[in-house]
Amino acid sequence: MPSGGGQGEVVVAALVDAGVSPDSLGVVEAHGTGTGLGDPIEVEGLSRAWRRFTGRSQFCALGSVKSNIGH
């Protein structure tokens, strides 16, 4: 079952593997399912991951082209 915690762990692992700090990012292109289940999980996971690295807020935009125009 998808969860914000699991999503956050995957994002943390990706950031660590890539050697990238969230502080260096200005935008994240998300999957954007356009659903009431998927999108909140994705936002929660990203938020959890960012909080592991920084206390800053409102510095990185979140977008999703797919949920706006489709596959």
C-alpha atoms as a PDB file:
ATOM      1  CA  MET A   1       0.000   0.000   0.000  1.00  0.00           C
ATOM      2  CA  PRO A   2       1.437   3.408  -0.908  1.00  0.00           C
ATOM      3  CA  SER A   3       2.268   5.734   1.969  1.00  0.00           C
ATOM      4  CA  GLY A   4       3.855   9.087   2.620  1.00  0.00           C
ATOM      5  CA  GLY A   5       6.473   7.407   4.786  1.00  0.00           C
ATOM      6  CA  GLY A   6       7.487   4.956   2.085  1.00  0.00           C
ATOM      7  CA  GLN A   7       7.480   7.651  -0.572  1.00  0.00           C
ATOM      8  CA  GLY A   8       9.644   9.844   1.660  1.00  0.00           C
ATOM      9  CA  GLU A   9      12.213   7.076   2.186  1.00  0.00           C
ATOM     10  CA  VAL A  10      12.529   6.545  -1.573  1.00  0.00           C
ATOM     11  CA  VAL A  11      13.013  10.290  -2.129  1.00  0.00           C
ATOM     12  CA  VAL A  12      15.654  10.446   0.631  1.00  0.00           C
ATOM     13  CA  ALA A  13      17.510   7.503  -0.940  1.00  0.00           C
ATOM     14  CA  ALA A  14      17.407   9.166  -4.374  1.00  0.00           C
ATOM     15  CA  LEU A  15      18.719  12.470  -2.999  1.00  0.00           C
ATOM     16  CA  VAL A  16      21.528  10.741  -1.112  1.00  0.00           C
ATOM     17  CA  ASP A  17      22.480   8.547  -4.099  1.00  0.00           C
ATOM     18  CA  ALA A  18      22.549  11.595  -6.379  1.00  0.00           C
ATOM     19  CA  GLY A  19      24.442  13.714  -3.856  1.00  0.00           C
ATOM     20  CA  VAL A  20      21.793  16.436  -4.165  1.00  0.00           C
ATOM     21  CA  SER A  21      20.524  18.634  -1.361  1.00  0.00           C
ATOM     22  CA  PRO A  22      16.908  19.814  -1.492  1.00  0.00           C
ATOM     23  CA  ASP A  23      18.252  23.292  -0.687  1.00  0.00           C
ATOM     24  CA  SER A  24      19.782  23.348  -4.173  1.00  0.00           C
ATOM     25  CA  LEU A  25      16.475  22.625  -5.939  1.00  0.00           C
ATOM     26  CA  GLY A  26      14.017  25.259  -7.108  1.00  0.00           C
ATOM     27  CA  VAL A  27      11.362  22.987  -8.602  1.00  0.00           C
ATOM     28  CA  VAL A  28      10.267  19.341  -8.457  1.00  0.00           C
ATOM     29  CA  GLU A  29       8.289  17.807 -11.307  1.00  0.00           C
ATOM     30  CA  ALA A  30       6.038  15.313  -9.554  1.00  0.00           C
ATOM     31  CA  HIS A  31       4.130  12.324 -10.890  1.00  0.00           C
ATOM     32  CA  GLY A  32       0.822  14.031 -10.247  1.00  0.00           C
ATOM     33  CA  THR A  33      -1.783  11.301 -10.416  1.00  0.00           C
ATOM     34  CA  GLY A  34      -4.590  13.814 -10.215  1.00  0.00           C
ATOM     35  CA  THR A  35      -6.269  11.643  -7.591  1.00  0.00           C
ATOM     36  CA  GLY A  36      -7.304  12.216  -4.004  1.00  0.00           C
ATOM     37  CA  LEU A  37      -5.157   9.247  -2.933  1.00  0.00           C
ATOM     38  CA  GLY A  38      -1.957   9.607  -4.939  1.00  0.00           C
ATOM     39  CA  ASP A  39      -1.276  13.325  -4.861  1.00  0.00           C
ATOM     40  CA  PRO A  40      -1.459  13.772  -1.054  1.00  0.00           C
ATOM     41  CA  ILE A  41       0.867  10.770  -0.597  1.00  0.00           C
ATOM     42  CA  GLU A  42       3.354  12.261  -3.025  1.00  0.00           C
ATOM     43  CA  VAL A  43       3.284  15.680  -1.316  1.00  0.00           C
ATOM     44  CA  GLU A  44       3.610  14.081   2.126  1.00  0.00           C
ATOM     45  CA  GLY A  45       6.567  11.975   0.981  1.00  0.00           C
ATOM     46  CA  LEU A  46       8.376  14.940  -0.524  1.00  0.00           C
ATOM     47  CA  SER A  47       7.711  17.005   2.595  1.00  0.00           C
ATOM     48  CA  ARG A  48       9.068  14.254   4.855  1.00  0.00           C
ATOM     49  CA  ALA A  49      12.179  13.922   2.713  1.00  0.00           C
ATOM     50  CA  TRP A  50      12.846  17.673   2.589  1.00  0.00           C
ATOM     51  CA  ARG A  51      12.490  17.948   6.375  1.00  0.00           C
ATOM     52  CA  ARG A  52      15.261  15.394   6.818  1.00  0.00           C
ATOM     53  CA  PHE A  53      17.660  17.790   5.083  1.00  0.00           C
ATOM     54  CA  THR A  54      16.450  21.342   5.730  1.00  0.00           C
ATOM     55  CA  GLY A  55      14.235  23.447   7.924  1.00  0.00           C
ATOM     56  CA  ARG A  56      13.608  25.926   5.117  1.00  0.00           C
ATOM     57  CA  SER A  57      10.147  26.208   3.627  1.00  0.00           C
ATOM     58  CA  GLN A  58       8.465  27.635   0.541  1.00  0.00           C
ATOM     59  CA  PHE A  59      11.617  27.686  -1.570  1.00  0.00           C
ATOM     60  CA  CYS A  60      10.950  24.812  -3.959  1.00  0.00           C
ATOM     61  CA  ALA A  61       8.009  24.765  -6.373  1.00  0.00           C
ATOM     62  CA  LEU A  62       6.065  21.567  -6.972  1.00  0.00           C
ATOM     63  CA  GLY A  63       4.455  20.918 -10.316  1.00  0.00           C
ATOM     64  CA  SER A  64       3.078  18.189 -12.519  1.00  0.00           C
ATOM     65  CA  VAL A  65       2.487  18.524 -16.222  1.00  0.00           C
ATOM     66  CA  LYS A  66       0.908  15.068 -16.506  1.00  0.00           C
ATOM     67  CA  SER A  67      -2.002  15.804 -14.203  1.00  0.00           C
ATOM     68  CA  ASN A  68      -2.702  18.951 -16.224  1.00  0.00           C
ATOM     69  CA  ILE A  69      -2.474  17.565 -19.784  1.00  0.00           C
ATOM     70  CA  GLY A  70      -2.579  13.764 -19.414  1.00  0.00           C
ATOM     71  CA  HIS A  71      -0.179  11.009 -20.420  1.00  0.00           C
END
